[in-house]
N, C-alpha and C. Protein backbone atom coordinates (compact mmCIF):
# COMPACT_ATOMS: atom_id res chain seq x y z
N MET A 1 -13.33 30.18 50.41
CA MET A 1 -12.88 30.70 49.06
C MET A 1 -11.46 30.97 49.08
N THR A 2 -10.73 30.38 48.15
CA THR A 2 -9.07 30.62 48.04
C THR A 2 -8.82 32.02 47.63
N GLU A 3 -7.61 32.37 47.68
CA GLU A 3 -7.10 33.56 47.28
C GLU A 3 -7.31 33.60 45.67
N GLU A 4 -7.09 32.57 45.04
CA GLU A 4 -7.15 32.54 43.63
C GLU A 4 -8.68 32.85 43.25
N GLU A 5 -9.41 32.23 43.75
CA GLU A 5 -10.85 32.36 43.59
C GLU A 5 -11.41 33.83 43.89
N ALA A 6 -10.84 34.32 45.18
CA ALA A 6 -11.21 35.65 45.42
C ALA A 6 -10.77 36.57 44.30
N GLY A 7 -9.41 36.52 43.86
CA GLY A 7 -8.95 37.27 43.02
C GLY A 7 -9.78 37.25 41.53
N LYS A 8 -10.15 36.02 41.21
CA LYS A 8 -11.02 35.99 40.17
C LYS A 8 -12.34 36.73 40.31
N ALA A 9 -12.85 36.44 41.41
CA ALA A 9 -14.23 37.30 41.66
C ALA A 9 -14.10 38.67 41.76
N LEU A 10 -13.13 39.07 42.32
CA LEU A 10 -12.83 40.33 42.37
C LEU A 10 -12.59 41.26 41.03
N ARG A 11 -11.83 40.47 39.99
CA ARG A 11 -11.66 41.04 38.77
C ARG A 11 -12.80 40.95 38.01
N VAL A 12 -13.66 39.91 38.12
CA VAL A 12 -14.83 39.87 37.23
C VAL A 12 -15.76 40.82 37.63
N ARG A 13 -15.89 41.10 39.07
CA ARG A 13 -16.71 42.23 39.29
C ARG A 13 -16.29 43.55 39.03
N ILE A 14 -15.08 43.74 38.83
CA ILE A 14 -14.54 45.17 38.19
C ILE A 14 -14.83 45.24 36.83
N ALA A 15 -14.64 44.19 36.21
CA ALA A 15 -15.04 44.07 34.62
C ALA A 15 -16.50 44.35 34.31
N GLU A 16 -17.24 43.80 35.54
CA GLU A 16 -18.80 44.20 35.35
C GLU A 16 -18.95 45.40 35.51
N ILE A 17 -18.47 46.26 36.61
CA ILE A 17 -18.64 47.66 36.79
C ILE A 17 -18.24 48.56 35.58
N ASP A 18 -17.00 48.21 35.07
CA ASP A 18 -16.64 48.88 33.82
C ASP A 18 -17.60 48.73 32.89
N GLU A 19 -18.24 47.54 32.45
CA GLU A 19 -19.23 47.39 31.59
C GLU A 19 -20.59 48.20 31.73
N GLN A 20 -20.99 48.17 33.03
CA GLN A 20 -22.09 49.08 33.47
C GLN A 20 -21.87 50.43 33.10
N ASP A 21 -20.46 50.92 33.38
CA ASP A 21 -20.12 52.46 33.15
C ASP A 21 -20.23 52.59 31.75
N ARG A 22 -19.75 51.63 30.94
CA ARG A 22 -19.90 51.90 29.35
C ARG A 22 -21.34 52.06 28.98
N ILE A 23 -22.14 51.02 29.29
CA ILE A 23 -23.54 51.07 28.92
C ILE A 23 -24.27 52.37 29.39
N SER A 24 -23.97 52.82 30.44
CA SER A 24 -24.65 53.90 31.10
C SER A 24 -24.35 55.34 30.77
N ALA A 25 -23.00 55.30 29.98
CA ALA A 25 -22.29 56.56 29.73
C ALA A 25 -23.32 57.61 28.90
N GLU A 26 -24.33 57.17 28.14
CA GLU A 26 -25.12 57.79 27.48
C GLU A 26 -26.10 58.70 28.50
N GLY A 27 -26.41 57.91 29.46
CA GLY A 27 -27.52 58.62 30.30
C GLY A 27 -26.77 59.78 31.26
N ARG A 28 -25.50 59.90 31.19
CA ARG A 28 -24.80 60.90 32.05
C ARG A 28 -24.44 62.02 31.23
N GLU A 29 -24.71 62.14 29.97
CA GLU A 29 -24.50 63.18 29.20
C GLU A 29 -25.30 64.26 29.53
N PRO A 30 -24.92 65.60 29.20
CA PRO A 30 -25.77 66.62 29.67
C PRO A 30 -26.98 66.65 28.88
N VAL A 31 -28.00 67.25 29.60
CA VAL A 31 -29.42 67.23 29.02
C VAL A 31 -29.46 68.63 28.14
N THR A 32 -29.74 68.42 26.97
CA THR A 32 -29.89 69.65 25.95
C THR A 32 -31.36 70.08 25.84
N LEU A 33 -31.46 71.38 25.74
CA LEU A 33 -32.75 71.88 25.58
C LEU A 33 -33.19 71.90 24.09
N GLN A 34 -34.29 71.16 23.66
CA GLN A 34 -34.65 71.20 22.34
C GLN A 34 -36.17 71.71 22.57
N GLN A 35 -36.35 73.00 22.30
CA GLN A 35 -37.62 73.43 22.39
C GLN A 35 -38.66 73.02 21.46
N ASP A 36 -38.28 72.71 20.29
CA ASP A 36 -39.44 72.23 19.33
C ASP A 36 -39.82 70.81 19.57
N SER A 37 -39.08 69.95 20.25
CA SER A 37 -39.55 68.69 20.29
C SER A 37 -39.59 67.98 21.67
N VAL A 38 -39.13 68.75 22.86
CA VAL A 38 -39.08 68.18 24.06
C VAL A 38 -39.79 69.22 25.02
N GLY A 39 -40.91 68.86 25.61
CA GLY A 39 -41.51 69.90 26.70
C GLY A 39 -40.75 70.11 27.65
N ARG A 40 -41.18 70.86 28.67
CA ARG A 40 -40.58 71.28 29.97
C ARG A 40 -40.57 70.00 30.82
N LEU A 41 -41.71 69.34 31.03
CA LEU A 41 -41.62 68.08 31.71
C LEU A 41 -40.91 66.99 31.28
N SER A 42 -40.57 66.74 29.90
CA SER A 42 -39.73 65.83 29.44
C SER A 42 -38.39 66.15 29.76
N ARG A 43 -37.99 67.55 29.72
CA ARG A 43 -36.55 67.81 29.91
C ARG A 43 -36.48 67.60 31.41
N MET A 44 -37.33 67.88 32.25
CA MET A 44 -37.13 67.70 33.74
C MET A 44 -37.10 66.05 34.10
N ASP A 45 -37.71 65.27 33.23
CA ASP A 45 -37.60 63.90 33.34
C ASP A 45 -36.15 63.33 32.96
N ALA A 46 -35.69 63.95 31.81
CA ALA A 46 -34.25 63.71 31.38
C ALA A 46 -33.25 64.17 32.38
N MET A 47 -33.62 65.28 33.02
CA MET A 47 -32.40 65.60 33.99
C MET A 47 -32.54 64.85 35.13
N GLN A 48 -33.66 64.22 35.67
CA GLN A 48 -33.77 63.39 36.76
C GLN A 48 -33.13 62.08 36.63
N GLN A 49 -33.37 61.57 35.21
CA GLN A 49 -32.63 60.50 34.76
C GLN A 49 -31.07 60.65 34.79
N GLN A 50 -30.59 61.76 34.30
CA GLN A 50 -29.18 62.15 34.37
C GLN A 50 -28.74 61.97 35.67
N ALA A 51 -29.40 62.66 36.66
CA ALA A 51 -28.85 62.73 38.04
C ALA A 51 -28.90 61.40 38.52
N MET A 52 -29.71 60.59 38.30
CA MET A 52 -29.78 59.11 38.90
C MET A 52 -28.56 58.45 38.36
N ALA A 53 -28.48 58.44 37.03
CA ALA A 53 -27.29 57.84 36.24
C ALA A 53 -25.86 58.49 36.93
N LEU A 54 -25.83 59.70 37.11
CA LEU A 54 -24.57 60.07 37.72
C LEU A 54 -24.36 59.78 39.25
N ALA A 55 -25.41 59.45 40.04
CA ALA A 55 -25.37 58.90 41.27
C ALA A 55 -24.89 57.37 41.31
N ALA A 56 -25.39 56.62 40.25
CA ALA A 56 -25.05 55.32 40.18
C ALA A 56 -23.64 55.23 39.72
N GLU A 57 -23.23 56.15 38.94
CA GLU A 57 -21.75 56.14 38.47
C GLU A 57 -20.91 56.31 39.59
N ARG A 58 -21.26 57.31 40.55
CA ARG A 58 -20.63 57.54 41.85
C ARG A 58 -20.41 56.32 42.60
N ARG A 59 -21.57 55.54 42.82
CA ARG A 59 -21.55 54.24 43.56
C ARG A 59 -20.82 53.33 43.05
N ARG A 60 -20.88 52.95 41.56
CA ARG A 60 -19.90 52.14 40.96
C ARG A 60 -18.37 52.49 41.14
N LYS A 61 -18.04 53.92 41.21
CA LYS A 61 -16.74 54.14 41.26
C LYS A 61 -16.23 53.92 42.75
N GLY A 62 -17.08 54.18 43.72
CA GLY A 62 -16.62 53.71 45.09
C GLY A 62 -16.54 52.10 45.38
N GLU A 63 -17.51 51.41 44.56
CA GLU A 63 -17.36 49.96 44.63
C GLU A 63 -16.16 49.56 44.03
N ARG A 64 -15.69 50.14 42.82
CA ARG A 64 -14.37 49.86 42.25
C ARG A 64 -13.25 49.93 43.09
N VAL A 65 -13.31 51.28 43.65
CA VAL A 65 -12.16 51.38 44.76
C VAL A 65 -12.01 50.30 45.58
N ARG A 66 -13.11 50.01 46.20
CA ARG A 66 -13.08 48.92 47.30
C ARG A 66 -12.58 47.65 46.76
N LEU A 67 -13.03 47.31 45.63
CA LEU A 67 -12.44 45.90 44.99
C LEU A 67 -10.98 46.02 44.61
N GLU A 68 -10.62 47.34 44.29
CA GLU A 68 -9.22 47.40 43.82
C GLU A 68 -8.25 47.17 45.05
N ALA A 69 -8.73 47.83 46.10
CA ALA A 69 -8.05 47.82 47.56
C ALA A 69 -7.94 46.26 47.87
N ALA A 70 -9.04 45.60 47.61
CA ALA A 70 -9.02 44.12 47.96
C ALA A 70 -8.06 43.41 47.32
N LEU A 71 -7.93 43.64 45.88
CA LEU A 71 -6.87 43.08 45.13
C LEU A 71 -5.38 43.29 45.45
N VAL A 72 -5.13 44.58 45.93
CA VAL A 72 -3.86 45.10 46.64
C VAL A 72 -3.67 44.22 47.78
N ARG A 73 -4.73 43.99 48.65
CA ARG A 73 -4.43 43.36 49.95
C ARG A 73 -4.25 41.91 49.60
N LEU A 74 -4.84 41.30 48.64
CA LEU A 74 -4.70 39.91 48.10
C LEU A 74 -3.16 39.78 47.67
N GLU A 75 -2.61 40.80 46.86
CA GLU A 75 -1.26 40.68 46.45
C GLU A 75 -0.17 40.69 47.50
N GLU A 76 -0.58 41.57 48.49
CA GLU A 76 0.32 41.60 49.58
C GLU A 76 0.34 40.72 50.81
N GLY A 77 -0.71 39.71 50.36
CA GLY A 77 -0.89 38.64 51.60
C GLY A 77 -1.56 39.20 52.57
N GLU A 78 -2.31 40.27 52.60
CA GLU A 78 -3.13 40.74 53.66
C GLU A 78 -4.45 40.56 53.63
N TRP A 79 -5.09 39.81 52.54
CA TRP A 79 -6.51 39.63 52.31
C TRP A 79 -6.91 38.52 53.22
N GLY A 80 -8.08 38.72 53.66
CA GLY A 80 -8.85 37.73 54.64
C GLY A 80 -8.65 38.19 55.97
N TYR A 81 -7.99 39.19 56.44
CA TYR A 81 -7.60 39.60 57.78
C TYR A 81 -8.41 41.00 57.92
N CYS A 82 -8.94 41.01 59.21
CA CYS A 82 -9.52 42.30 59.67
C CYS A 82 -8.79 43.45 59.66
N LEU A 83 -9.02 44.57 58.93
CA LEU A 83 -8.28 45.72 59.03
C LEU A 83 -8.13 46.38 60.30
N THR A 84 -9.20 46.13 61.28
CA THR A 84 -9.46 46.66 62.54
C THR A 84 -8.66 46.12 63.70
N CYS A 85 -8.90 44.65 63.65
CA CYS A 85 -8.30 43.87 64.87
C CYS A 85 -7.37 42.83 64.26
N GLY A 86 -7.27 42.70 63.05
CA GLY A 86 -6.11 41.66 62.59
C GLY A 86 -6.49 40.26 62.57
N GLU A 87 -7.82 39.94 62.84
CA GLU A 87 -8.19 38.61 63.21
C GLU A 87 -8.50 38.18 61.63
N ASP A 88 -8.97 36.79 61.57
CA ASP A 88 -9.39 36.30 60.23
C ASP A 88 -10.70 36.65 60.00
N ILE A 89 -11.18 36.92 58.70
CA ILE A 89 -12.60 37.30 58.55
C ILE A 89 -13.13 36.06 58.05
N ALA A 90 -14.28 35.74 58.54
CA ALA A 90 -15.12 34.52 58.52
C ALA A 90 -15.14 34.08 56.86
N ALA A 91 -14.96 32.76 56.48
CA ALA A 91 -14.90 32.27 55.13
C ALA A 91 -16.22 32.59 54.38
N LYS A 92 -17.25 32.42 55.26
CA LYS A 92 -18.70 32.71 54.57
C LYS A 92 -18.62 34.21 54.20
N ARG A 93 -18.21 35.07 55.06
CA ARG A 93 -18.16 36.49 54.90
C ARG A 93 -17.52 36.84 53.66
N LEU A 94 -16.33 36.23 53.42
CA LEU A 94 -15.42 36.52 52.25
C LEU A 94 -16.17 35.87 50.99
N GLU A 95 -16.80 34.87 51.19
CA GLU A 95 -17.47 34.27 50.00
C GLU A 95 -18.50 35.06 49.43
N ASN A 96 -19.37 35.81 50.30
CA ASN A 96 -20.32 36.69 50.01
C ASN A 96 -19.86 38.09 49.66
N ASP A 97 -18.67 38.47 50.30
CA ASP A 97 -18.01 39.84 49.88
C ASP A 97 -16.55 39.62 49.84
N PRO A 98 -15.81 39.20 48.89
CA PRO A 98 -14.43 39.19 48.63
C PRO A 98 -13.68 40.35 49.16
N ALA A 99 -14.38 41.58 49.17
CA ALA A 99 -13.59 42.71 49.29
C ALA A 99 -13.97 43.13 50.78
N ALA A 100 -14.56 42.30 51.67
CA ALA A 100 -14.90 42.66 53.16
C ALA A 100 -13.51 43.09 53.82
N THR A 101 -13.66 43.91 54.57
CA THR A 101 -12.43 44.66 55.16
C THR A 101 -12.36 44.32 56.81
N GLN A 102 -13.58 43.90 57.20
CA GLN A 102 -13.60 43.73 58.74
C GLN A 102 -14.35 42.45 59.02
N CYS A 103 -14.07 41.84 60.21
CA CYS A 103 -14.59 40.61 60.75
C CYS A 103 -15.94 41.27 61.03
N VAL A 104 -16.84 40.20 61.35
CA VAL A 104 -18.26 40.36 61.76
C VAL A 104 -18.42 41.30 63.18
N LYS A 105 -17.48 40.91 64.08
CA LYS A 105 -17.50 41.84 65.37
C LYS A 105 -17.34 43.29 65.18
N CYS A 106 -16.18 43.47 64.37
CA CYS A 106 -15.66 44.70 64.21
C CYS A 106 -16.62 45.57 63.34
N ALA A 107 -17.25 44.93 62.36
CA ALA A 107 -17.92 45.40 61.40
C ALA A 107 -19.50 45.89 62.16
N SER A 108 -19.79 45.05 63.19
CA SER A 108 -21.08 45.44 63.80
C SER A 108 -20.74 46.30 65.07
N GLY A 109 -19.39 46.64 65.33
CA GLY A 109 -19.01 47.48 66.43
C GLY A 109 -19.21 46.77 67.91
N SER A 110 -19.19 45.46 67.82
CA SER A 110 -19.44 44.71 69.30
C SER A 110 -18.08 44.19 69.72
N ARG A 111 -17.02 44.60 69.19
CA ARG A 111 -15.70 44.17 69.77
C ARG A 111 -15.42 44.94 70.97
N ASP A 112 -15.06 44.39 71.90
CA ASP A 112 -14.79 45.04 73.21
C ASP A 112 -13.33 45.70 73.22
């Protein structure tokens, strides 16, 4: 994967995350009590769905930070190098995850 391809893949993934956030915004809104039309179990279900939507939002935010950090490394000429040992990250690993920060050895903890 070239740096240009990686940059494009990272930007596409960030755009996807932004779209997912936009789509799920309604599910993260506070759950209101409507005693005349929603029973206690329905409200509990809505609160559970809200909690799941908020958790998904937190995961997306973490992923977005990781992707943006990869874009910064790309701009600084540091992309594709392990942040732990400085060695090249395998091309297949970068194809699978352009935001990877470690080589396989460091990620698995097997580096001596």
